[in-house]
Amino acid sequence: MRNLKRILLGVFILLLVLVILVFILENQQSVALLFLGWSGPQLPVSLVVVVALLAGMLIGPVFAWFLGRSSRSLRKRSV
């Protein structure tokens, strides 16, 4: 049973890497993003999406931690 879990995990990781590779290879068109009047450099779509995903994965938990911390301090004050 333990070996089956390892094999399934290995297959899942390989499929995930394959999907990411296909995504990157299919999205090589260059785009320039415009945000609040600032124009960014020409970058492949796949790079823009991956950077946005990573930024969200970092900012989301930090934001949740900050909100949880502030709500805990409010509960302590009200008790």
N, C-alpha and C. Protein backbone atom coordinates (compact mmCIF):
# COMPACT_ATOMS: atom_id res chain seq x y z
N MET A 1 0.82 -1.19 0.00
CA MET A 1 0.00 0.00 0.00
C MET A 1 0.86 1.26 0.00
N ARG A 2 1.96 1.21 0.75
CA ARG A 2 2.86 2.36 0.82
C ARG A 2 3.51 2.63 -0.53
N ASN A 3 3.90 1.56 -1.22
CA ASN A 3 4.50 1.72 -2.53
C ASN A 3 3.49 2.25 -3.55
N LEU A 4 2.25 1.86 -3.42
CA LEU A 4 1.20 2.35 -4.32
C LEU A 4 1.02 3.86 -4.16
N LYS A 5 1.06 4.35 -2.92
CA LYS A 5 0.94 5.78 -2.68
C LYS A 5 2.11 6.54 -3.30
N ARG A 6 3.31 5.98 -3.18
CA ARG A 6 4.49 6.61 -3.78
C ARG A 6 4.39 6.64 -5.30
N ILE A 7 3.91 5.55 -5.87
CA ILE A 7 3.77 5.50 -7.34
C ILE A 7 2.73 6.50 -7.80
N LEU A 8 1.59 6.57 -7.10
CA LEU A 8 0.55 7.52 -7.47
C LEU A 8 1.03 8.96 -7.31
N LEU A 9 1.79 9.24 -6.26
CA LEU A 9 2.34 10.57 -6.07
C LEU A 9 3.32 10.91 -7.19
N GLY A 10 4.14 9.95 -7.57
CA GLY A 10 5.08 10.16 -8.67
C GLY A 10 4.37 10.42 -9.99
N VAL A 11 3.33 9.66 -10.26
CA VAL A 11 2.55 9.85 -11.49
C VAL A 11 1.87 11.22 -11.47
N PHE A 12 1.31 11.62 -10.32
CA PHE A 12 0.67 12.92 -10.20
C PHE A 12 1.67 14.05 -10.45
N ILE A 13 2.85 13.95 -9.88
CA ILE A 13 3.88 14.98 -10.08
C ILE A 13 4.31 15.04 -11.53
N LEU A 14 4.49 13.90 -12.16
CA LEU A 14 4.88 13.89 -13.57
C LEU A 14 3.79 14.50 -14.45
N LEU A 15 2.52 14.19 -14.17
CA LEU A 15 1.42 14.79 -14.93
C LEU A 15 1.36 16.30 -14.71
N LEU A 16 1.58 16.75 -13.49
CA LEU A 16 1.59 18.17 -13.20
C LEU A 16 2.71 18.89 -13.95
N VAL A 17 3.89 18.30 -13.96
CA VAL A 17 5.02 18.88 -14.70
C VAL A 17 4.71 18.91 -16.20
N LEU A 18 4.09 17.86 -16.71
CA LEU A 18 3.73 17.82 -18.12
C LEU A 18 2.71 18.90 -18.47
N VAL A 19 1.70 19.10 -17.63
CA VAL A 19 0.70 20.13 -17.87
C VAL A 19 1.34 21.52 -17.84
N ILE A 20 2.23 21.76 -16.89
CA ILE A 20 2.92 23.05 -16.81
C ILE A 20 3.79 23.27 -18.04
N LEU A 21 4.50 22.25 -18.47
CA LEU A 21 5.35 22.36 -19.66
C LEU A 21 4.52 22.66 -20.91
N VAL A 22 3.41 21.98 -21.07
CA VAL A 22 2.53 22.24 -22.22
C VAL A 22 1.98 23.66 -22.16
N PHE A 23 1.59 24.12 -20.97
CA PHE A 23 1.10 25.48 -20.81
C PHE A 23 2.16 26.50 -21.23
N ILE A 24 3.37 26.30 -20.79
CA ILE A 24 4.45 27.23 -21.13
C ILE A 24 4.75 27.22 -22.61
N LEU A 25 4.78 26.04 -23.20
CA LEU A 25 5.10 25.95 -24.63
C LEU A 25 3.98 26.50 -25.51
N GLU A 26 2.73 26.42 -25.05
CA GLU A 26 1.61 26.91 -25.85
C GLU A 26 1.38 28.41 -25.71
N ASN A 27 2.00 29.05 -24.72
CA ASN A 27 1.76 30.47 -24.47
C ASN A 27 3.05 31.28 -24.55
N GLN A 28 3.67 31.26 -25.70
CA GLN A 28 4.92 31.98 -25.90
C GLN A 28 4.73 33.35 -26.54
N GLN A 29 3.50 33.75 -26.80
CA GLN A 29 3.26 35.05 -27.39
C GLN A 29 3.67 36.13 -26.39
N SER A 30 4.32 37.18 -26.89
CA SER A 30 4.74 38.27 -26.01
C SER A 30 3.61 39.27 -25.84
N VAL A 31 3.47 39.76 -24.62
CA VAL A 31 2.48 40.78 -24.32
C VAL A 31 3.14 41.83 -23.44
N ALA A 32 2.63 43.05 -23.53
CA ALA A 32 3.06 44.12 -22.63
C ALA A 32 1.85 44.51 -21.79
N LEU A 33 2.00 44.46 -20.50
CA LEU A 33 0.89 44.81 -19.62
C LEU A 33 0.89 46.30 -19.35
N LEU A 34 -0.30 46.86 -19.23
CA LEU A 34 -0.48 48.28 -18.93
C LEU A 34 -1.26 48.36 -17.62
N PHE A 35 -0.66 48.98 -16.60
CA PHE A 35 -1.29 49.07 -15.29
C PHE A 35 -1.13 50.48 -14.75
N LEU A 36 -2.26 51.17 -14.57
CA LEU A 36 -2.27 52.54 -14.06
C LEU A 36 -1.33 53.46 -14.85
N GLY A 37 -1.32 53.28 -16.15
CA GLY A 37 -0.51 54.13 -17.01
C GLY A 37 0.93 53.67 -17.17
N TRP A 38 1.34 52.67 -16.42
CA TRP A 38 2.70 52.15 -16.53
C TRP A 38 2.69 50.97 -17.49
N SER A 39 3.57 50.99 -18.45
CA SER A 39 3.67 49.90 -19.41
C SER A 39 4.86 49.02 -19.05
N GLY A 40 4.63 47.73 -18.99
CA GLY A 40 5.69 46.79 -18.66
C GLY A 40 6.41 46.32 -19.90
N PRO A 41 7.50 45.58 -19.73
CA PRO A 41 8.23 45.05 -20.87
C PRO A 41 7.47 43.92 -21.57
N GLN A 42 7.87 43.62 -22.77
CA GLN A 42 7.27 42.50 -23.51
C GLN A 42 7.73 41.19 -22.88
N LEU A 43 6.79 40.42 -22.36
CA LEU A 43 7.09 39.14 -21.73
C LEU A 43 6.13 38.08 -22.27
N PRO A 44 6.55 36.81 -22.28
CA PRO A 44 5.63 35.75 -22.70
C PRO A 44 4.43 35.65 -21.75
N VAL A 45 3.29 35.30 -22.29
CA VAL A 45 2.05 35.18 -21.50
C VAL A 45 2.25 34.18 -20.37
N SER A 46 2.92 33.08 -20.63
CA SER A 46 3.11 32.07 -19.59
C SER A 46 3.90 32.62 -18.42
N LEU A 47 4.89 33.45 -18.66
CA LEU A 47 5.67 34.03 -17.57
C LEU A 47 4.82 34.99 -16.75
N VAL A 48 4.00 35.78 -17.40
CA VAL A 48 3.12 36.72 -16.70
C VAL A 48 2.14 35.95 -15.81
N VAL A 49 1.56 34.88 -16.33
CA VAL A 49 0.58 34.10 -15.55
C VAL A 49 1.25 33.41 -14.37
N VAL A 50 2.43 32.83 -14.58
CA VAL A 50 3.13 32.14 -13.49
C VAL A 50 3.55 33.14 -12.40
N VAL A 51 4.04 34.31 -12.79
CA VAL A 51 4.42 35.33 -11.80
C VAL A 51 3.19 35.81 -11.02
N ALA A 52 2.07 36.00 -11.71
CA ALA A 52 0.84 36.42 -11.03
C ALA A 52 0.38 35.33 -10.06
N LEU A 53 0.47 34.07 -10.45
CA LEU A 53 0.10 32.97 -9.57
C LEU A 53 0.97 32.94 -8.33
N LEU A 54 2.28 33.05 -8.50
CA LEU A 54 3.20 33.03 -7.37
C LEU A 54 2.97 34.23 -6.45
N ALA A 55 2.72 35.40 -7.03
CA ALA A 55 2.45 36.58 -6.21
C ALA A 55 1.18 36.38 -5.38
N GLY A 56 0.16 35.80 -5.98
CA GLY A 56 -1.08 35.52 -5.24
C GLY A 56 -0.88 34.49 -4.15
N MET A 57 -0.03 33.50 -4.42
CA MET A 57 0.25 32.48 -3.42
C MET A 57 1.03 33.05 -2.24
N LEU A 58 1.76 34.12 -2.44
CA LEU A 58 2.48 34.77 -1.35
C LEU A 58 1.63 35.81 -0.64
N ILE A 59 0.92 36.61 -1.39
CA ILE A 59 0.14 37.71 -0.81
C ILE A 59 -1.09 37.18 -0.07
N GLY A 60 -1.75 36.18 -0.59
CA GLY A 60 -2.96 35.65 0.02
C GLY A 60 -2.77 35.19 1.46
N PRO A 61 -1.82 34.30 1.73
CA PRO A 61 -1.62 33.86 3.12
C PRO A 61 -1.16 34.98 4.05
N VAL A 62 -0.34 35.90 3.55
CA VAL A 62 0.10 37.02 4.39
C VAL A 62 -1.11 37.88 4.76
N PHE A 63 -1.96 38.14 3.79
CA PHE A 63 -3.17 38.93 4.04
C PHE A 63 -4.09 38.21 5.03
N ALA A 64 -4.26 36.91 4.86
CA ALA A 64 -5.11 36.14 5.78
C ALA A 64 -4.52 36.13 7.18
N TRP A 65 -3.21 35.99 7.30
CA TRP A 65 -2.56 36.02 8.60
C TRP A 65 -2.77 37.37 9.28
N PHE A 66 -2.63 38.45 8.50
CA PHE A 66 -2.80 39.79 9.05
C PHE A 66 -4.23 40.00 9.53
N LEU A 67 -5.21 39.58 8.73
CA LEU A 67 -6.61 39.73 9.14
C LEU A 67 -6.92 38.86 10.36
N GLY A 68 -6.41 37.66 10.40
CA GLY A 68 -6.63 36.78 11.55
C GLY A 68 -6.01 37.34 12.81
N ARG A 69 -4.85 37.94 12.66
CA ARG A 69 -4.16 38.52 13.81
C ARG A 69 -4.93 39.72 14.37
N SER A 70 -5.43 40.55 13.46
CA SER A 70 -6.18 41.72 13.93
C SER A 70 -7.51 41.32 14.56
N SER A 71 -8.16 40.28 14.03
CA SER A 71 -9.43 39.85 14.61
C SER A 71 -9.20 39.19 15.97
N ARG A 72 -8.09 38.50 16.15
CA ARG A 72 -7.77 37.91 17.45
C ARG A 72 -7.55 39.00 18.51
N SER A 73 -6.87 40.07 18.10
CA SER A 73 -6.62 41.14 19.07
C SER A 73 -7.92 41.85 19.44
N LEU A 74 -8.85 41.96 18.48
CA LEU A 74 -10.16 42.56 18.80
C LEU A 74 -10.95 41.68 19.77
N ARG A 75 -10.86 40.36 19.59
CA ARG A 75 -11.56 39.44 20.51
C ARG A 75 -10.99 39.51 21.91
N LYS A 76 -9.67 39.65 22.01
CA LYS A 76 -9.04 39.74 23.33
C LYS A 76 -9.47 41.02 24.04
N ARG A 77 -9.58 42.10 23.29
CA ARG A 77 -9.98 43.37 23.90
C ARG A 77 -11.43 43.34 24.38
N SER A 78 -12.31 42.65 23.65
CA SER A 78 -13.73 42.64 23.99
C SER A 78 -14.05 41.71 25.16
N VAL A 79 -13.16 40.78 25.45
CA VAL A 79 -13.42 39.82 26.54
C VAL A 79 -13.06 40.37 27.86
